[in-house]
Amino acid sequence: SEKIGFFNYNLKYFVKRLSTVLLVYRTKKV
């Protein structure tokens, strides 16, 4: 279960980073 928790944590962090990057990319594009 430790691996799953670690994976979920990384997934949440990745999604957060991705959304931030997309937001910056969108605002810079416009």
N, C-alpha and C. Protein backbone atom coordinates (compact mmCIF):
# COMPACT_ATOMS: atom_id res chain seq x y z
N SER A 1 0.85 -1.21 0.00
CA SER A 1 0.00 0.00 0.00
C SER A 1 0.88 1.26 0.00
N GLU A 2 2.14 1.10 0.42
CA GLU A 2 3.04 2.26 0.43
C GLU A 2 3.31 2.75 -0.98
N LYS A 3 3.47 1.80 -1.89
CA LYS A 3 3.75 2.17 -3.29
C LYS A 3 2.57 2.93 -3.88
N ILE A 4 1.36 2.47 -3.57
CA ILE A 4 0.16 3.11 -4.12
C ILE A 4 0.05 4.55 -3.60
N GLY A 5 0.30 4.72 -2.31
CA GLY A 5 0.24 6.06 -1.72
C GLY A 5 1.28 6.98 -2.35
N PHE A 6 2.46 6.44 -2.56
CA PHE A 6 3.53 7.22 -3.17
C PHE A 6 3.16 7.60 -4.60
N PHE A 7 2.55 6.66 -5.32
CA PHE A 7 2.14 6.91 -6.70
C PHE A 7 1.06 7.98 -6.74
N ASN A 8 0.09 7.87 -5.84
CA ASN A 8 -1.00 8.85 -5.80
C ASN A 8 -0.45 10.24 -5.50
N TYR A 9 0.51 10.32 -4.59
CA TYR A 9 1.11 11.60 -4.23
C TYR A 9 1.82 12.21 -5.44
N ASN A 10 2.57 11.38 -6.15
CA ASN A 10 3.29 11.86 -7.33
C ASN A 10 2.31 12.29 -8.41
N LEU A 11 1.22 11.54 -8.55
CA LEU A 11 0.23 11.85 -9.57
C LEU A 11 -0.41 13.20 -9.29
N LYS A 12 -0.77 13.44 -8.03
CA LYS A 12 -1.38 14.72 -7.65
C LYS A 12 -0.41 15.87 -7.92
N TYR A 13 0.86 15.66 -7.56
CA TYR A 13 1.88 16.69 -7.76
C TYR A 13 2.06 16.96 -9.26
N PHE A 14 2.09 15.89 -10.05
CA PHE A 14 2.27 16.02 -11.49
C PHE A 14 1.11 16.78 -12.12
N VAL A 15 -0.12 16.44 -11.70
CA VAL A 15 -1.31 17.11 -12.24
C VAL A 15 -1.28 18.59 -11.88
N LYS A 16 -0.86 18.87 -10.64
CA LYS A 16 -0.80 20.27 -10.19
C LYS A 16 0.21 21.04 -11.03
N ARG A 17 1.38 20.44 -11.25
CA ARG A 17 2.42 21.10 -12.05
C ARG A 17 1.95 21.29 -13.49
N LEU A 18 1.30 20.25 -14.03
CA LEU A 18 0.85 20.30 -15.41
C LEU A 18 -0.18 21.40 -15.60
N SER A 19 -1.15 21.50 -14.69
CA SER A 19 -2.19 22.52 -14.81
C SER A 19 -1.57 23.91 -14.71
N THR A 20 -0.55 24.05 -13.85
CA THR A 20 0.11 25.35 -13.70
C THR A 20 0.84 25.72 -15.00
N VAL A 21 1.54 24.74 -15.56
CA VAL A 21 2.28 24.98 -16.80
C VAL A 21 1.31 25.33 -17.93
N LEU A 22 0.20 24.60 -18.01
CA LEU A 22 -0.79 24.87 -19.05
C LEU A 22 -1.38 26.26 -18.89
N LEU A 23 -1.63 26.65 -17.65
CA LEU A 23 -2.19 27.97 -17.38
C LEU A 23 -1.22 29.06 -17.84
N VAL A 24 0.06 28.90 -17.50
CA VAL A 24 1.08 29.88 -17.90
C VAL A 24 1.20 29.90 -19.42
N TYR A 25 1.19 28.72 -20.04
CA TYR A 25 1.32 28.63 -21.49
C TYR A 25 0.15 29.33 -22.18
N ARG A 26 -1.06 29.12 -21.64
CA ARG A 26 -2.24 29.73 -22.23
C ARG A 26 -2.17 31.25 -22.12
N THR A 27 -1.82 31.74 -20.94
CA THR A 27 -1.78 33.20 -20.74
C THR A 27 -0.68 33.84 -21.59
N LYS A 28 0.43 33.13 -21.77
CA LYS A 28 1.52 33.67 -22.59
C LYS A 28 1.14 33.65 -24.06
N LYS A 29 0.42 32.62 -24.47
CA LYS A 29 0.02 32.50 -25.86
C LYS A 29 -0.94 33.63 -26.23
N VAL A 30 -1.85 33.93 -25.33
CA VAL A 30 -2.84 35.00 -25.57
C VAL A 30 -2.19 36.33 -25.16
